[in-house]
N, C-alpha and C. Protein backbone atom coordinates (compact mmCIF):
# COMPACT_ATOMS: atom_id res chain seq x y z
N MET A 1 13.59 66.90 -4.32
CA MET A 1 12.38 68.20 -4.38
C MET A 1 11.59 67.14 -4.20
N GLU A 2 10.25 67.96 -3.50
CA GLU A 2 8.95 66.71 -3.39
C GLU A 2 7.72 67.03 -4.47
N PRO A 3 7.18 65.92 -4.39
CA PRO A 3 6.21 65.60 -5.32
C PRO A 3 5.05 67.21 -5.97
N GLU A 4 4.86 67.78 -4.84
CA GLU A 4 4.20 68.85 -4.78
C GLU A 4 5.10 70.12 -5.70
N GLU A 5 6.06 70.11 -5.59
CA GLU A 5 6.77 71.00 -5.94
C GLU A 5 6.83 70.68 -7.22
N LEU A 6 6.61 69.60 -7.85
CA LEU A 6 6.48 69.25 -9.53
C LEU A 6 5.27 69.49 -9.72
N LEU A 7 4.12 69.33 -9.18
CA LEU A 7 3.15 69.65 -9.70
C LEU A 7 2.05 71.05 -9.52
N ASN A 8 3.10 71.88 -8.33
CA ASN A 8 2.33 73.14 -8.81
C ASN A 8 2.75 74.33 -9.55
N ASP A 9 1.64 74.70 -10.44
CA ASP A 9 2.18 75.62 -11.38
C ASP A 9 2.55 77.14 -9.82
N ASP A 10 3.80 77.47 -11.15
CA ASP A 10 4.43 79.16 -9.89
C ASP A 10 3.86 80.20 -10.61
N ASN A 11 2.40 80.24 -10.31
CA ASN A 11 1.77 81.86 -11.30
C ASN A 11 2.18 81.77 -12.83
N ASN A 12 2.73 80.66 -13.32
CA ASN A 12 2.91 80.92 -14.86
C ASN A 12 1.57 80.27 -15.37
N ARG A 13 0.81 81.80 -16.02
CA ARG A 13 -0.21 81.07 -16.41
C ARG A 13 -0.44 81.21 -18.11
N LYS A 14 0.98 81.33 -18.51
CA LYS A 14 0.78 81.38 -19.89
C LYS A 14 1.15 79.91 -20.45
N LYS A 15 1.90 79.67 -19.72
CA LYS A 15 1.74 77.93 -20.43
C LYS A 15 1.62 77.01 -19.45
N GLU A 16 0.00 76.49 -18.83
CA GLU A 16 -0.17 75.44 -18.20
C GLU A 16 0.74 74.30 -18.31
N THR A 17 1.10 73.54 -17.16
CA THR A 17 2.44 73.07 -16.84
C THR A 17 1.56 71.55 -17.33
N PRO A 18 1.79 70.56 -17.80
CA PRO A 18 1.26 68.84 -18.11
C PRO A 18 0.79 68.21 -16.82
N LEU A 19 1.84 68.66 -15.86
CA LEU A 19 1.56 67.84 -14.80
C LEU A 19 0.50 68.38 -14.02
N LYS A 20 0.15 69.61 -14.32
CA LYS A 20 -1.58 69.93 -13.75
C LYS A 20 -2.50 68.80 -13.73
N SER A 21 -2.27 68.21 -14.98
CA SER A 21 -3.28 67.61 -15.85
C SER A 21 -2.81 65.85 -15.00
N LEU A 22 -2.06 66.14 -14.89
CA LEU A 22 -1.49 64.65 -14.47
C LEU A 22 -1.60 64.56 -13.23
N GLU A 23 -1.40 65.14 -12.40
CA GLU A 23 -2.31 65.23 -11.11
C GLU A 23 -3.74 65.02 -10.85
N THR A 24 -4.41 65.74 -12.11
CA THR A 24 -6.07 65.50 -11.85
C THR A 24 -5.97 63.81 -12.33
N ASP A 25 -5.55 63.06 -13.18
CA ASP A 25 -5.73 62.04 -13.50
C ASP A 25 -5.22 61.09 -12.77
N LEU A 26 -3.97 61.16 -12.19
CA LEU A 26 -3.67 60.34 -10.93
C LEU A 26 -4.73 60.31 -9.99
N ARG A 27 -5.43 61.26 -9.33
CA ARG A 27 -6.32 61.47 -8.09
C ARG A 27 -7.39 61.07 -8.94
N LEU A 28 -7.73 60.36 -10.42
CA LEU A 28 -8.79 59.72 -10.81
C LEU A 28 -8.58 58.56 -10.96
N TYR A 29 -7.28 57.77 -11.24
CA TYR A 29 -6.23 56.20 -11.37
C TYR A 29 -6.34 55.80 -10.33
N SER A 30 -6.34 56.41 -9.35
CA SER A 30 -5.42 56.48 -7.84
C SER A 30 -6.03 54.67 -7.35
N GLU A 31 -7.38 54.39 -7.31
CA GLU A 31 -7.78 53.04 -7.12
C GLU A 31 -7.26 52.15 -7.42
N SER A 32 -7.72 52.34 -9.10
CA SER A 32 -6.72 51.54 -9.75
C SER A 32 -5.48 50.91 -9.76
N ILE A 33 -4.83 51.92 -9.64
CA ILE A 33 -2.91 51.98 -9.95
C ILE A 33 -3.15 51.68 -8.38
N ARG A 34 -3.43 51.78 -7.32
CA ARG A 34 -3.12 50.81 -6.22
C ARG A 34 -3.47 49.25 -6.41
N GLU A 35 -4.80 49.05 -6.45
CA GLU A 35 -5.05 47.68 -6.80
C GLU A 35 -4.12 46.52 -7.74
N ILE A 36 -3.37 47.16 -8.86
CA ILE A 36 -2.76 46.98 -9.73
C ILE A 36 -1.24 46.70 -8.95
N ALA A 37 -0.71 47.61 -8.74
CA ALA A 37 -0.01 47.75 -7.66
C ALA A 37 0.41 46.23 -6.57
N VAL A 38 -1.16 46.21 -5.71
CA VAL A 38 -0.96 45.50 -5.07
C VAL A 38 -1.05 43.74 -5.53
N GLU A 39 -1.66 44.15 -6.75
CA GLU A 39 -1.35 42.46 -7.46
C GLU A 39 -0.24 42.22 -7.99
N ILE A 40 0.62 43.01 -8.49
CA ILE A 40 1.75 43.01 -8.65
C ILE A 40 2.86 42.34 -7.55
N MET A 41 2.47 42.98 -6.84
CA MET A 41 3.90 42.49 -5.36
C MET A 41 3.05 41.16 -4.75
N VAL A 42 1.57 41.11 -5.02
CA VAL A 42 1.25 39.40 -4.48
C VAL A 42 1.93 38.58 -5.39
N GLU A 43 1.34 38.48 -6.75
CA GLU A 43 2.13 37.49 -7.81
C GLU A 43 3.56 37.38 -7.13
N GLY A 44 4.32 38.12 -6.77
CA GLY A 44 5.82 37.86 -6.98
C GLY A 44 6.74 38.75 -7.83
N LEU A 45 5.37 39.52 -9.05
CA LEU A 45 6.43 39.88 -10.29
C LEU A 45 7.56 41.32 -9.78
N THR A 46 6.93 41.82 -8.38
CA THR A 46 8.36 42.71 -8.34
C THR A 46 7.82 43.09 -6.99
N SER A 47 8.48 43.88 -6.04
CA SER A 47 8.46 44.52 -4.79
C SER A 47 8.59 46.09 -5.09
N TYR A 48 9.05 46.46 -6.42
CA TYR A 48 9.00 47.80 -6.84
C TYR A 48 8.42 47.91 -8.28
N PRO A 49 7.05 48.14 -7.93
CA PRO A 49 5.83 48.45 -8.83
C PRO A 49 5.93 50.00 -9.60
N ILE A 50 6.26 49.63 -11.10
CA ILE A 50 6.44 51.86 -11.53
C ILE A 50 5.43 51.68 -12.36
N PHE A 51 4.79 52.72 -12.27
CA PHE A 51 3.66 53.39 -13.47
C PHE A 51 4.35 54.22 -14.19
N VAL A 52 4.40 53.94 -15.84
CA VAL A 52 4.71 54.92 -16.45
C VAL A 52 3.84 55.90 -16.72
N ALA A 53 3.73 57.12 -16.76
CA ALA A 53 2.76 58.71 -17.14
C ALA A 53 3.02 58.59 -18.52
N HIS A 54 2.09 58.48 -19.63
CA HIS A 54 2.57 59.56 -20.49
C HIS A 54 1.85 59.74 -21.74
N GLN A 55 1.90 60.77 -22.52
CA GLN A 55 1.05 61.32 -23.54
C GLN A 55 0.95 60.34 -25.21
N HIS A 56 2.43 59.99 -25.22
CA HIS A 56 2.45 59.37 -26.82
C HIS A 56 2.78 57.92 -26.26
N GLU A 57 3.09 57.40 -27.38
CA GLU A 57 3.57 56.05 -27.40
C GLU A 57 4.45 55.86 -26.68
N VAL A 58 4.79 54.97 -25.74
CA VAL A 58 6.25 54.28 -25.34
C VAL A 58 6.05 53.11 -25.30
N LYS A 59 7.21 52.07 -25.25
CA LYS A 59 7.42 50.81 -25.07
C LYS A 59 8.58 50.41 -23.77
N LEU A 60 7.58 50.73 -23.02
CA LEU A 60 7.75 50.63 -21.71
C LEU A 60 6.60 50.02 -20.80
N GLY A 61 6.58 48.97 -20.09
CA GLY A 61 5.75 48.46 -19.53
C GLY A 61 4.50 47.78 -20.14
N GLU A 62 2.86 47.68 -19.56
CA GLU A 62 1.96 47.23 -20.26
C GLU A 62 0.95 48.09 -19.86
N MET A 63 0.30 48.72 -20.67
CA MET A 63 -0.44 49.97 -20.84
C MET A 63 -1.80 48.90 -20.03
N ILE A 64 -2.13 49.95 -18.62
CA ILE A 64 -3.12 49.72 -18.27
C ILE A 64 -4.58 50.27 -17.95
N LEU A 65 -4.41 51.33 -18.05
CA LEU A 65 -5.35 52.85 -18.49
C LEU A 65 -5.20 53.81 -19.39
N ASP A 66 -6.02 53.50 -20.55
CA ASP A 66 -5.95 54.38 -22.00
C ASP A 66 -6.26 55.87 -21.80
N LYS A 67 -5.92 56.70 -21.98
CA LYS A 67 -6.08 58.07 -22.01
C LYS A 67 -7.36 58.04 -23.15
N ASN A 68 -6.97 57.13 -24.12
CA ASN A 68 -8.22 57.85 -25.38
C ASN A 68 -9.58 56.76 -24.87
N ASP A 69 -9.64 55.61 -24.30
CA ASP A 69 -10.53 54.66 -23.89
C ASP A 69 -10.93 55.60 -22.60
N LEU A 70 -10.37 56.49 -21.65
CA LEU A 70 -10.81 56.80 -20.42
C LEU A 70 -11.00 58.63 -20.41
N ASN A 71 -10.89 58.68 -21.84
CA ASN A 71 -11.54 60.24 -21.81
C ASN A 71 -10.36 61.57 -20.76
N THR A 72 -8.97 60.76 -20.81
CA THR A 72 -8.32 61.89 -19.90
C THR A 72 -7.20 62.06 -20.71
N ASP A 73 -6.28 62.92 -19.98
CA ASP A 73 -4.81 63.53 -20.68
C ASP A 73 -3.75 62.47 -20.63
N TRP A 74 -3.73 61.24 -20.05
CA TRP A 74 -2.32 60.43 -19.70
C TRP A 74 -2.80 59.05 -19.80
N THR A 75 -2.05 58.03 -20.57
CA THR A 75 -2.26 57.04 -20.32
C THR A 75 -1.23 56.18 -19.59
N ILE A 76 -1.57 55.49 -18.66
CA ILE A 76 -0.83 55.09 -17.71
C ILE A 76 -0.44 53.36 -17.75
N ASN A 77 0.96 52.93 -17.96
CA ASN A 77 1.52 51.76 -18.10
C ASN A 77 2.32 50.96 -16.62
N ALA A 78 2.02 49.93 -16.60
CA ALA A 78 2.67 49.55 -15.42
C ALA A 78 4.01 48.83 -15.91
N SER A 79 4.60 48.61 -14.91
CA SER A 79 6.28 47.85 -15.56
C SER A 79 7.20 47.79 -13.68
N THR A 80 8.31 47.39 -13.92
CA THR A 80 8.79 46.72 -12.32
C THR A 80 10.31 47.38 -12.58
N MET A 81 10.60 47.98 -11.25
CA MET A 81 12.16 48.15 -11.39
C MET A 81 13.10 47.43 -12.07
N GLU A 82 12.66 45.86 -12.37
CA GLU A 82 13.35 45.01 -12.62
C GLU A 82 13.33 45.52 -14.04
N GLU A 83 12.26 45.60 -14.87
CA GLU A 83 12.48 46.24 -16.51
C GLU A 83 13.26 47.60 -16.79
N PHE A 84 13.23 48.53 -15.75
CA PHE A 84 13.90 49.64 -15.56
C PHE A 84 15.38 49.52 -15.69
N VAL A 85 15.86 48.54 -14.80
CA VAL A 85 17.42 48.21 -14.94
C VAL A 85 17.66 47.31 -16.20
N GLU A 86 16.88 46.63 -16.73
CA GLU A 86 17.11 45.72 -17.47
C GLU A 86 17.06 46.32 -19.26
N LYS A 87 16.58 47.69 -18.64
CA LYS A 87 16.43 47.83 -20.21
C LYS A 87 17.30 49.56 -19.96
N GLY A 88 18.10 49.32 -18.82
CA GLY A 88 19.22 50.52 -18.83
C GLY A 88 18.63 51.81 -17.91
N ILE A 89 17.27 51.98 -17.99
CA ILE A 89 16.75 53.30 -17.57
C ILE A 89 16.94 53.59 -15.66
N ILE A 90 17.37 52.62 -15.29
CA ILE A 90 17.73 52.75 -13.62
C ILE A 90 19.48 51.94 -14.29
N LYS A 91 20.32 52.38 -13.93
CA LYS A 91 21.80 52.25 -13.99
C LYS A 91 22.01 50.93 -13.15
N LYS A 92 22.32 49.97 -13.67
CA LYS A 92 22.43 48.53 -12.05
C LYS A 92 23.32 49.16 -10.88
N GLU A 93 24.05 49.91 -11.24
CA GLU A 93 25.00 50.32 -9.80
C GLU A 93 24.11 51.55 -9.10
N LEU A 94 23.16 51.72 -9.94
CA LEU A 94 22.15 52.75 -9.07
C LEU A 94 21.11 52.02 -8.38
N GLN A 95 20.83 51.03 -8.67
CA GLN A 95 20.00 50.01 -8.04
C GLN A 95 19.62 50.20 -6.39
N GLN A 96 20.29 50.12 -5.95
CA GLN A 96 20.23 50.00 -4.56
C GLN A 96 19.92 51.56 -4.10
N ARG A 97 20.15 52.69 -4.68
CA ARG A 97 19.77 53.79 -4.59
C ARG A 97 18.80 54.24 -4.47
N PHE A 98 18.12 53.86 -5.73
CA PHE A 98 16.58 53.66 -6.20
C PHE A 98 15.59 52.93 -4.83
N ILE A 99 16.26 51.96 -4.54
CA ILE A 99 15.34 51.15 -3.70
C ILE A 99 15.55 51.75 -1.97
N ASP A 100 16.48 52.39 -1.56
CA ASP A 100 16.55 52.84 -0.73
C ASP A 100 15.56 54.27 -0.79
N THR A 101 14.84 54.81 -2.06
CA THR A 101 14.70 56.16 -2.24
C THR A 101 13.12 55.92 -2.31
N TYR A 102 12.65 54.22 -2.87
CA TYR A 102 11.72 54.11 -2.54
C TYR A 102 10.38 54.26 -1.84
N LYS A 103 9.39 54.70 -1.76
CA LYS A 103 8.70 54.65 -0.99
C LYS A 103 7.75 53.78 -0.88
N ASN A 104 6.85 53.54 0.41
CA ASN A 104 6.04 52.33 0.70
C ASN A 104 5.00 52.29 -0.45
N PRO A 105 4.72 51.13 -1.23
CA PRO A 105 3.77 51.06 -2.26
C PRO A 105 2.56 51.14 -2.11
N HIS A 106 2.52 50.68 -0.36
CA HIS A 106 0.75 50.56 -0.11
C HIS A 106 0.25 51.88 -0.05
N GLU A 107 1.19 53.18 0.11
CA GLU A 107 1.10 54.12 0.19
C GLU A 107 0.92 55.37 -0.75
N MET A 108 2.14 55.22 -1.42
CA MET A 108 2.54 55.66 -2.70
C MET A 108 2.31 54.73 -3.71
N MET A 109 2.52 55.58 -5.07
CA MET A 109 2.30 55.03 -6.18
C MET A 109 3.72 55.67 -6.73
N CYS A 110 4.99 54.74 -7.50
CA CYS A 110 5.99 55.43 -7.92
C CYS A 110 5.54 55.72 -9.61
N VAL A 111 5.71 56.76 -9.74
CA VAL A 111 5.14 57.20 -11.32
C VAL A 111 6.19 57.60 -12.45
N PHE A 112 6.63 57.25 -13.07
CA PHE A 112 8.08 57.97 -13.98
C PHE A 112 7.15 58.25 -15.07
N VAL A 113 7.09 59.38 -15.29
CA VAL A 113 6.53 61.00 -15.93
C VAL A 113 7.34 61.14 -16.77
N ILE A 114 7.03 60.99 -18.36
CA ILE A 114 7.94 61.53 -19.39
C ILE A 114 6.67 62.29 -20.42
N VAL A 115 7.62 63.48 -19.94
CA VAL A 115 7.03 64.91 -21.00
C VAL A 115 8.29 65.13 -21.91
N PRO A 116 7.69 65.82 -22.93
CA PRO A 116 8.74 66.01 -24.00
C PRO A 116 9.93 66.64 -23.56
N GLU A 117 10.14 67.35 -22.36
CA GLU A 117 11.13 67.94 -21.95
C GLU A 117 12.19 66.79 -21.21
N GLY A 118 11.76 65.61 -21.28
CA GLY A 118 12.50 64.55 -20.16
C GLY A 118 11.37 63.67 -19.47
N ALA A 119 12.49 63.09 -18.56
CA ALA A 119 11.30 62.01 -17.52
C ALA A 119 11.89 61.93 -16.31
N ASN A 120 11.26 61.92 -15.37
CA ASN A 120 11.76 61.72 -14.07
C ASN A 120 10.45 61.42 -13.10
N PHE A 121 10.94 60.26 -11.72
CA PHE A 121 10.43 59.87 -10.95
C PHE A 121 9.48 60.82 -9.93
N VAL A 122 8.30 60.15 -9.49
CA VAL A 122 7.54 61.50 -8.86
C VAL A 122 6.76 60.06 -8.10
N PHE A 123 6.77 60.43 -6.66
CA PHE A 123 6.00 59.20 -5.74
C PHE A 123 4.73 60.31 -5.34
N PHE A 124 3.42 59.54 -5.45
CA PHE A 124 2.36 60.37 -5.35
C PHE A 124 1.47 59.56 -4.55
N PRO A 125 0.87 60.55 -3.50
CA PRO A 125 0.21 59.73 -2.31
C PRO A 125 -1.17 59.15 -2.98
N TYR A 126 -1.82 57.92 -2.81
CA TYR A 126 -2.50 57.32 -3.01
C TYR A 126 -3.93 58.22 -2.62
N GLY A 127 -5.25 58.13 -2.87
CA GLY A 127 -6.38 58.84 -2.39
C GLY A 127 -7.19 58.20 -1.28
N LYS A 128 -7.32 58.81 -0.41
CA LYS A 128 -7.97 58.24 0.75
C LYS A 128 -8.60 57.13 0.45
N GLU A 129 -8.46 55.74 1.11
CA GLU A 129 -9.45 54.83 1.45
C GLU A 129 -10.96 54.79 1.58
């Protein structure tokens, strides 16, 4: 499934998908997230930065963009593939599959989106520089 498929609302106006507001926030946060991703990689923390998008408190990664401070809908935490493996979110035996599907971190952000119905990885393109 492509990220666009997750973000498009399929004419279901009764209930606006929270992913629409996530798309808006990711566009707003894009440059900040890119800078943090590069910093994480340059410092050698990981080659696979993961950003956690959530609307409730989570104990994963470190908060970098707070929805309350920024008057947005989503808070973003910065994490790493290694933390996800350590916490069992990515199973150790599936780590290579994750690496194989991971997109270029200079062009796309890897976002772990947490919603009440569950959570999933989405790769979202950074805005144009």
